[in-house]
Amino acid sequence: MFARFLLLAILVLLLFPARAGAATCTANVSSLNFGAVDTLSGDTPATATISVDCENVGSSSLTVCGNFGAGSGGASGNSRQMGPGTGGLGFNLYADANHAIPWGHADQPALGLPQRFSLPVSGTTASGRMTLYGLVPRRQLSTRTGSYTSEFTGNDALFYYAEGDTLQCNAPAGASATTAIFTASATVQANCLIEADNINFGTVGLITSPIDQTGQLRITCTPGVGYTIALDGGLSKATNPEQRQMRSGANVVYYGLYSNAAHSQAWGSGGDAVTGEGSGAETRTVYGRVPVQQAAPGHYSDTVVVTITYN
């Protein structure tokens, strides 16, 4: 009788092996490095890889909800920030290459929603690799040059997971959780953009008094960047900024360009160039003057090249 009982117990253990426990998962996210960033004229994308690996899986499927918070740089509205400190360089995280689906956090819906995905199960393990898409948008006119970072740890890189396919990211009660650590980084480089208006002196008769007109230069430079704006001598390659030439065939009308309304500071190149420091978008006026002179009838014009150098 005793021997039969032992045999029965062994058969039960062999027929119904017990699981050692529930599934356990680990998550890793590679660095999100934007490299050199131009904050004035172009968006800068970057990608990172999310890796989730699970063991002791006893179901045919496993579901994960990925949550990404603001990071150590904080957030301004729906934009994450990289520091030093909090704020400085805006960026965001997305679930798609078109940067149309923001990847956010259930606790911070302004940044977007958490993203749900399933892992393929093989035996008692499950693994998956996903791409995290980042974007630094253009036209951040107040951001200075330098290095920027944001650290994602703990709740800012949180992954809920559960066996089966019923896990809901907005209500993960009962799900297990794991976290990852990664860094977003970028280096803002100096840049300047410039646009110029034409100067039209209009239709005149005899030039018995000076004719004055103005044009505008629209300048956008990375804040803190020193710049120099030079105006060349026009098609005649004039070396005197006050003796540029508008031509109509063989006929000439002399004119000058200046950086002040009193027409006392000629604007040219070299020592006659204008300097400044970037502060985002700004406008500078170019003052043009045609002095008293004799001129034959005709349509006169010249082309001046505007060059901005910066460091």
Protein backbone atom coordinates (compact mmCIF):
# COMPACT_ATOMS: atom_id res chain seq x y z
CA MET A 1 0.00 0.00 0.00
CA PHE A 2 2.83 2.37 0.91
CA ALA A 3 4.72 1.66 -2.34
CA ARG A 4 1.63 2.36 -4.48
CA PHE A 5 1.18 5.76 -2.79
CA LEU A 6 4.74 6.77 -3.61
CA LEU A 7 4.33 5.73 -7.23
CA LEU A 8 1.14 7.76 -7.56
CA ALA A 9 2.81 10.84 -6.12
CA ILE A 10 5.69 10.59 -8.59
CA LEU A 11 3.30 10.22 -11.52
CA VAL A 12 1.38 13.34 -10.46
CA LEU A 13 4.55 15.41 -10.26
CA LEU A 14 5.64 14.24 -13.70
CA LEU A 15 2.29 14.89 -15.30
CA PHE A 16 1.80 18.37 -13.77
CA PRO A 17 5.13 20.23 -13.54
CA ALA A 18 4.73 23.51 -11.65
CA ARG A 19 5.91 26.90 -13.04
CA ALA A 20 8.67 28.56 -11.07
CA GLY A 21 6.85 31.95 -11.22
CA ALA A 22 5.41 34.64 -13.48
CA ALA A 23 7.20 36.14 -16.48
CA THR A 24 10.00 38.60 -15.75
CA CYS A 25 11.20 41.20 -18.26
CA THR A 26 14.08 43.63 -18.59
CA ALA A 27 14.15 46.72 -20.84
CA ASN A 28 17.05 48.62 -22.36
CA VAL A 29 17.11 51.76 -24.50
CA SER A 30 20.22 52.84 -26.41
CA SER A 31 21.43 56.45 -26.35
CA LEU A 32 19.46 58.96 -28.43
CA ASN A 33 22.24 61.09 -29.94
CA PHE A 34 21.15 63.93 -32.23
CA GLY A 35 24.75 64.96 -32.92
CA ALA A 36 25.25 68.44 -34.40
CA VAL A 37 21.99 70.41 -34.45
CA ASP A 38 21.04 73.49 -36.49
CA THR A 39 18.24 75.12 -34.51
CA LEU A 40 17.50 77.75 -37.16
CA SER A 41 16.85 76.13 -40.52
CA GLY A 42 16.36 72.38 -40.23
CA ASP A 43 14.76 69.64 -38.14
CA THR A 44 17.24 67.11 -36.74
CA PRO A 45 16.11 63.47 -36.36
CA ALA A 46 17.71 60.64 -34.39
CA THR A 47 16.80 57.10 -33.40
CA ALA A 48 17.37 54.77 -30.46
CA THR A 49 16.67 51.06 -30.06
CA ILE A 50 14.32 49.69 -27.41
CA SER A 51 15.05 46.10 -26.34
CA VAL A 52 12.68 44.09 -24.15
CA ASP A 53 13.64 40.54 -23.12
CA CYS A 54 11.45 38.26 -21.00
CA GLU A 55 11.85 34.80 -19.48
CA ASN A 56 9.64 32.27 -17.73
CA VAL A 57 6.75 33.11 -20.08
CA GLY A 58 3.88 30.69 -19.75
CA SER A 59 1.55 32.17 -22.36
CA SER A 60 1.53 32.31 -26.14
CA SER A 61 1.73 36.11 -26.09
CA LEU A 62 3.11 38.93 -23.95
CA THR A 63 2.09 42.60 -24.11
CA VAL A 64 4.18 45.64 -23.18
CA CYS A 65 3.19 49.28 -22.58
CA GLY A 66 6.12 51.69 -22.97
CA ASN A 67 5.95 55.04 -21.12
CA PHE A 68 8.41 57.89 -21.69
CA GLY A 69 8.18 60.93 -19.44
CA ALA A 70 9.79 64.36 -19.63
CA GLY A 71 13.31 63.33 -18.63
CA SER A 72 15.66 65.32 -16.41
CA GLY A 73 15.38 68.41 -18.62
CA GLY A 74 11.66 68.69 -17.92
CA ALA A 75 9.02 69.75 -20.40
CA SER A 76 7.42 72.93 -21.66
CA GLY A 77 3.88 72.17 -22.77
CA ASN A 78 4.10 69.27 -25.19
CA SER A 79 7.85 69.63 -25.77
CA ARG A 80 10.57 67.86 -23.80
CA GLN A 81 13.66 69.90 -23.01
CA MET A 82 17.38 69.20 -22.87
CA GLY A 83 19.51 71.20 -20.43
CA PRO A 84 21.95 72.23 -18.74
CA GLY A 85 19.37 72.31 -15.99
CA THR A 86 15.76 72.34 -17.12
CA GLY A 87 14.90 73.78 -20.50
CA GLY A 88 17.06 75.03 -23.32
CA LEU A 89 16.67 72.78 -26.36
CA GLY A 90 13.27 71.36 -27.25
CA PHE A 91 12.82 67.85 -28.62
CA ASN A 92 10.28 65.06 -28.69
CA LEU A 93 9.92 61.29 -28.94
CA TYR A 94 7.79 59.43 -31.48
CA ALA A 95 6.66 55.92 -32.31
CA ASP A 96 6.96 56.37 -36.10
CA ALA A 97 9.50 57.55 -38.65
CA ASN A 98 7.19 60.35 -39.84
CA HIS A 99 7.16 61.86 -36.34
CA ALA A 100 3.37 61.87 -36.34
CA ILE A 101 2.70 59.65 -33.28
CA PRO A 102 4.13 61.21 -30.07
CA TRP A 103 5.39 58.63 -27.60
CA GLY A 104 4.47 59.80 -24.12
CA HIS A 105 3.45 58.70 -20.66
CA ALA A 106 0.15 57.82 -19.02
CA ASP A 107 0.97 60.32 -16.25
CA GLN A 108 1.96 63.10 -18.69
CA PRO A 109 -0.56 63.01 -21.55
CA ALA A 110 0.59 66.38 -22.95
CA LEU A 111 3.69 64.57 -24.23
CA GLY A 112 1.65 61.87 -25.97
CA LEU A 113 0.28 58.48 -25.05
CA PRO A 114 2.14 55.32 -23.99
CA GLN A 115 2.62 52.83 -26.81
CA ARG A 116 1.44 49.21 -26.68
CA PHE A 117 3.20 46.37 -28.46
CA SER A 118 3.34 42.57 -28.34
CA LEU A 119 6.43 40.39 -28.12
CA PRO A 120 6.77 37.10 -30.02
CA VAL A 121 7.05 34.14 -27.64
CA SER A 122 9.41 31.24 -28.26
CA GLY A 123 9.14 28.48 -25.69
CA THR A 124 9.32 30.27 -22.35
CA THR A 125 11.06 33.43 -23.59
CA ALA A 126 9.91 36.53 -25.43
CA SER A 127 12.01 39.28 -27.00
CA GLY A 128 11.40 42.34 -29.11
CA ARG A 129 13.24 45.28 -30.64
CA MET A 130 11.52 48.57 -31.41
CA THR A 131 12.76 51.89 -32.77
CA LEU A 132 12.33 55.08 -30.77
CA TYR A 133 12.30 58.14 -33.03
CA GLY A 134 13.46 61.54 -31.80
CA LEU A 135 13.22 64.99 -33.39
CA VAL A 136 14.73 68.38 -32.55
CA PRO A 137 12.53 70.89 -34.44
CA ARG A 138 13.86 73.96 -36.23
CA ARG A 139 13.25 77.65 -35.36
CA GLN A 140 14.39 77.46 -31.74
CA LEU A 141 15.64 81.03 -31.92
CA SER A 142 16.49 81.49 -28.23
CA THR A 143 18.74 78.42 -27.87
CA ARG A 144 22.46 79.16 -27.55
CA THR A 145 25.35 77.06 -28.82
CA GLY A 146 26.68 74.24 -26.63
CA SER A 147 25.99 70.71 -25.42
CA TYR A 148 22.55 69.65 -24.20
CA THR A 149 21.38 66.45 -22.48
CA SER A 150 18.39 64.89 -20.77
CA GLU A 151 18.51 61.71 -18.66
CA PHE A 152 15.66 59.20 -18.64
CA THR A 153 15.52 56.97 -15.55
CA GLY A 154 12.89 55.36 -13.34
CA ASN A 155 9.38 56.55 -14.11
CA ASP A 156 10.60 58.45 -17.20
CA ALA A 157 11.42 55.15 -18.96
CA LEU A 158 8.77 52.80 -17.57
CA PHE A 159 7.56 49.57 -19.16
CA TYR A 160 4.49 47.66 -17.93
CA TYR A 161 4.12 44.07 -19.14
CA ALA A 162 1.70 41.18 -18.75
CA GLU A 163 1.17 37.79 -20.34
CA GLY A 164 -1.67 37.58 -22.83
CA ASP A 165 -3.09 40.44 -24.88
CA THR A 166 -5.48 42.16 -22.48
CA LEU A 167 -3.09 44.73 -20.99
CA GLN A 168 -4.39 48.29 -21.42
CA CYS A 169 -1.85 51.11 -21.21
CA ASN A 170 -4.31 53.51 -19.56
CA ALA A 171 -5.17 50.98 -16.84
CA PRO A 172 -2.18 48.68 -16.20
CA ALA A 173 -3.42 47.48 -12.79
CA GLY A 174 -1.96 44.08 -11.95
CA ALA A 175 0.78 44.31 -14.57
CA SER A 176 4.46 43.93 -13.72
CA ALA A 177 6.89 46.77 -14.44
CA THR A 178 10.52 47.36 -15.31
CA THR A 179 12.51 50.51 -16.10
CA ALA A 180 15.36 51.51 -18.39
CA ILE A 181 18.05 54.20 -18.38
CA PHE A 182 19.15 56.22 -21.40
CA THR A 183 20.36 59.69 -22.39
CA ALA A 184 19.22 62.10 -25.10
CA SER A 185 21.99 64.47 -26.24
CA ALA A 186 22.69 67.14 -28.86
CA THR A 187 25.25 69.83 -29.69
CA VAL A 188 23.86 73.13 -30.98
CA GLN A 189 26.12 74.69 -33.60
CA ALA A 190 26.37 78.33 -34.63
CA ASN A 191 24.42 79.45 -37.68
CA CYS A 192 23.18 82.65 -39.29
CA LEU A 193 20.53 83.22 -41.95
CA ILE A 194 20.07 86.46 -43.89
CA GLU A 195 17.58 87.88 -46.40
CA ALA A 196 17.77 91.23 -48.18
CA ASP A 197 15.21 93.63 -49.68
CA ASN A 198 15.86 95.60 -52.85
CA ILE A 199 16.38 99.36 -52.66
CA ASN A 200 14.35 101.31 -55.25
CA PHE A 201 15.25 104.97 -55.65
CA GLY A 202 12.17 105.48 -57.81
CA THR A 203 11.65 107.64 -60.91
CA VAL A 204 13.34 111.03 -60.80
CA GLY A 205 14.12 113.96 -63.06
CA LEU A 206 17.14 116.14 -62.53
CA ILE A 207 19.13 115.09 -59.47
CA THR A 208 19.44 118.50 -57.84
CA SER A 209 19.25 117.19 -54.26
CA PRO A 210 20.18 113.84 -52.67
CA ILE A 211 17.72 110.97 -53.18
CA ASP A 212 17.37 108.72 -50.14
CA GLN A 213 15.77 105.28 -49.86
CA THR A 214 16.13 102.31 -47.52
CA GLY A 215 16.08 98.53 -47.61
CA GLN A 216 15.94 95.89 -44.91
CA LEU A 217 18.21 93.00 -43.97
CA ARG A 218 16.46 90.25 -42.00
CA ILE A 219 19.01 88.41 -39.88
CA THR A 220 18.58 85.32 -37.72
CA CYS A 221 21.61 84.11 -35.78
CA THR A 222 22.07 81.62 -32.98
CA PRO A 223 21.99 83.69 -29.76
CA GLY A 224 25.40 84.82 -28.56
CA VAL A 225 27.11 84.22 -31.91
CA GLY A 226 29.21 87.14 -33.16
CA TYR A 227 28.65 88.14 -36.79
CA THR A 228 29.89 90.56 -39.43
CA ILE A 229 27.82 91.79 -42.40
CA ALA A 230 29.70 93.03 -45.46
CA LEU A 231 28.29 94.67 -48.61
CA ASP A 232 30.49 94.36 -51.67
CA GLY A 233 31.21 97.10 -54.21
CA GLY A 234 28.52 96.00 -56.65
CA LEU A 235 29.05 95.04 -60.28
CA SER A 236 31.60 97.84 -60.70
CA LYS A 237 33.62 96.43 -57.78
CA ALA A 238 33.80 99.86 -56.20
CA THR A 239 36.32 100.12 -53.36
CA ASN A 240 34.64 103.24 -51.95
CA PRO A 241 31.23 102.32 -50.45
CA GLU A 242 29.98 105.82 -51.34
CA GLN A 243 30.96 105.47 -55.00
CA ARG A 244 29.04 102.39 -56.11
CA GLN A 245 27.66 102.61 -59.63
CA MET A 246 24.24 101.96 -61.09
CA ARG A 247 24.52 101.56 -64.84
CA SER A 248 22.29 102.03 -67.84
CA GLY A 249 24.38 100.90 -70.78
CA ALA A 250 27.48 103.10 -70.75
CA ASN A 251 25.87 105.69 -68.46
CA VAL A 252 26.48 105.74 -64.71
CA VAL A 253 24.71 107.02 -61.58
CA TYR A 254 26.79 107.00 -58.42
CA TYR A 255 25.28 106.02 -55.08
CA GLY A 256 26.30 104.99 -51.57
CA LEU A 257 25.04 102.59 -48.91
CA TYR A 258 25.18 103.42 -45.20
CA SER A 259 24.44 101.86 -41.83
CA ASN A 260 22.91 104.99 -40.26
CA ALA A 261 20.17 107.44 -41.14
CA ALA A 262 22.60 110.37 -41.16
CA HIS A 263 24.49 108.71 -44.03
CA SER A 264 27.77 109.24 -42.20
CA GLN A 265 28.79 105.59 -41.76
CA ALA A 266 29.44 104.02 -45.15
CA TRP A 267 28.61 100.31 -45.33
CA GLY A 268 31.04 98.15 -47.24
CA SER A 269 33.49 95.37 -46.44
CA GLY A 270 36.56 95.12 -44.23
CA GLY A 271 36.62 98.09 -41.87
CA ASP A 272 33.32 99.35 -43.29
CA ALA A 273 31.41 96.16 -42.42
CA VAL A 274 28.82 96.06 -39.63
CA THR A 275 29.20 93.77 -36.62
CA GLY A 276 26.72 92.40 -34.09
CA GLU A 277 25.80 89.54 -31.80
CA GLY A 278 23.07 87.01 -32.49
CA SER A 279 19.84 87.40 -30.53
CA GLY A 280 17.41 85.40 -32.65
CA ALA A 281 15.51 87.25 -35.38
CA GLU A 282 16.36 90.91 -36.00
CA THR A 283 16.23 93.54 -38.73
CA ARG A 284 18.87 96.03 -39.87
CA THR A 285 18.23 98.95 -42.18
CA VAL A 286 20.43 99.74 -45.16
CA TYR A 287 20.31 103.46 -45.98
CA GLY A 288 20.88 104.30 -49.65
CA ARG A 289 21.71 107.76 -51.07
CA VAL A 290 22.12 109.05 -54.61
CA PRO A 291 24.10 112.31 -54.35
CA VAL A 292 23.60 115.36 -56.57
CA GLN A 293 24.91 114.65 -60.07
CA GLN A 294 24.07 114.81 -63.73
CA ALA A 295 22.59 111.67 -65.28
CA ALA A 296 21.27 110.72 -68.70
CA PRO A 297 17.71 109.32 -68.92
CA GLY A 298 17.50 105.53 -68.51
CA HIS A 299 16.86 102.61 -66.19
CA TYR A 300 19.81 102.20 -63.84
CA SER A 301 20.56 99.20 -61.64
CA ASP A 302 23.30 97.45 -59.71
CA THR A 303 23.65 94.20 -57.75
CA VAL A 304 25.28 94.15 -54.32
CA VAL A 305 26.25 90.90 -52.61
CA VAL A 306 25.54 90.70 -48.87
CA THR A 307 27.83 88.36 -46.92
CA ILE A 308 27.42 87.40 -43.27
CA THR A 309 30.25 85.67 -41.45
CA TYR A 310 29.90 84.29 -37.92
CA ASN A 311 31.72 82.27 -35.31
